[in-house]
Protein backbone atom coordinates (compact mmCIF):
# COMPACT_ATOMS: atom_id res chain seq x y z
CA GLY A 1 -3.42 7.49 10.29
CA LEU A 2 -4.42 11.09 11.06
CA LEU A 3 -2.56 12.41 8.01
CA PHE A 4 -4.61 10.18 5.72
CA GLN A 5 -7.87 10.64 7.57
CA PHE A 6 -7.99 14.42 7.82
CA TRP A 7 -5.60 15.88 5.22
CA THR A 8 -5.82 13.59 2.19
CA PRO A 9 -8.30 10.72 2.35
CA GLN A 10 -7.64 10.12 -1.39
CA ALA A 11 -4.20 8.74 -0.50
CA VAL A 12 -5.57 5.64 1.24
CA GLY A 13 -4.66 2.33 -0.40
CA ALA A 14 -2.14 1.38 -3.06
CA GLY A 15 -3.56 3.78 -5.63
CA VAL A 16 -3.14 1.60 -8.71
CA SER A 17 -6.85 0.86 -9.06
CA LEU A 18 -7.74 4.52 -8.47
CA VAL A 19 -5.31 5.73 -11.13
CA MET A 20 -6.61 3.11 -13.58
CA ALA A 21 -10.20 4.22 -12.86
CA TYR A 22 -9.20 7.86 -13.38
CA LEU A 23 -7.51 7.05 -16.69
CA ASN A 24 -10.66 5.20 -17.80
CA GLY A 25 -12.70 8.39 -17.36
CA ASN A 26 -14.04 8.19 -13.81
CA HIS A 27 -13.90 11.50 -11.97
CA ILE A 28 -12.24 11.15 -8.57
CA PRO A 29 -11.91 14.57 -6.91
CA ASN A 30 -8.36 15.61 -5.93
CA LEU A 31 -6.89 12.20 -6.78
CA LEU A 32 -3.80 13.63 -8.47
CA HIS A 33 -3.37 16.69 -6.24
CA TYR A 34 0.07 17.53 -4.85
CA HIS A 35 -1.23 16.98 -1.29
CA VAL A 36 -1.81 13.33 -2.20
CA MET A 37 1.73 13.06 -3.58
CA ILE A 38 3.28 14.52 -0.42
CA THR A 39 1.20 12.21 1.78
CA LYS A 40 2.08 9.15 -0.33
CA VAL A 41 5.80 9.95 -0.18
CA ILE A 42 5.70 10.41 3.61
CA GLY A 43 3.66 7.22 4.03
CA THR A 44 6.02 5.26 1.78
CA ILE A 45 9.08 6.44 3.70
CA CYS A 46 7.47 5.53 7.03
CA ALA A 47 6.34 2.12 5.75
CA CYS A 48 9.73 1.23 4.28
CA ALA A 49 11.55 2.45 7.39
CA SER A 50 9.38 0.22 9.59
CA GLY A 51 9.88 -2.83 7.36
CA LEU A 52 6.33 -3.14 6.00
CA PRO A 53 5.96 -4.78 2.58
CA LEU A 54 4.46 -2.50 -0.07
CA GLY A 55 3.93 -4.96 -2.91
CA PRO A 56 5.51 -5.03 -6.36
CA GLU A 57 4.44 -1.57 -7.47
CA GLY A 58 3.47 -0.12 -4.12
CA PRO A 59 2.32 3.49 -4.18
CA MET A 60 4.77 4.44 -6.96
CA VAL A 61 2.04 4.45 -9.63
CA GLN A 62 -0.02 7.07 -7.82
CA ILE A 63 3.07 9.10 -6.85
CA GLY A 64 4.17 9.13 -10.50
CA ALA A 65 0.69 10.11 -11.69
CA CYS A 66 0.53 12.91 -9.10
CA LEU A 67 3.99 14.15 -10.10
CA GLY A 68 3.03 14.19 -13.78
CA SER A 69 -0.22 15.99 -13.07
CA THR A 70 1.47 18.53 -10.80
CA LEU A 71 4.17 19.30 -13.36
CA THR A 72 1.57 19.59 -16.11
CA TYR A 73 -0.70 22.04 -14.30
CA CYS A 74 1.82 24.11 -12.31
CA GLY A 75 3.00 26.04 -15.35
CA CYS A 76 6.69 25.39 -14.73
CA CYS A 77 7.15 23.24 -17.85
CA ASN A 78 5.78 25.66 -20.43
CA SER A 79 7.94 26.00 -23.49
């Protein structure tokens, strides 16, 4: 709760609709930031460990989008 509320409020929810909105051209500040990815991974681990259902795609869509964005803009994949 506190992690989502104070550190990354963009990580609340499944994330599929937010990623789709972002891909359709809507600007959502810090949606694909690495802080969101770290929070989503921690939240997914905690939810799975406690036995909560995450749905068919769960937060994997937003984690994948964050990972792709982070790798694109970090400069580590320049050829």
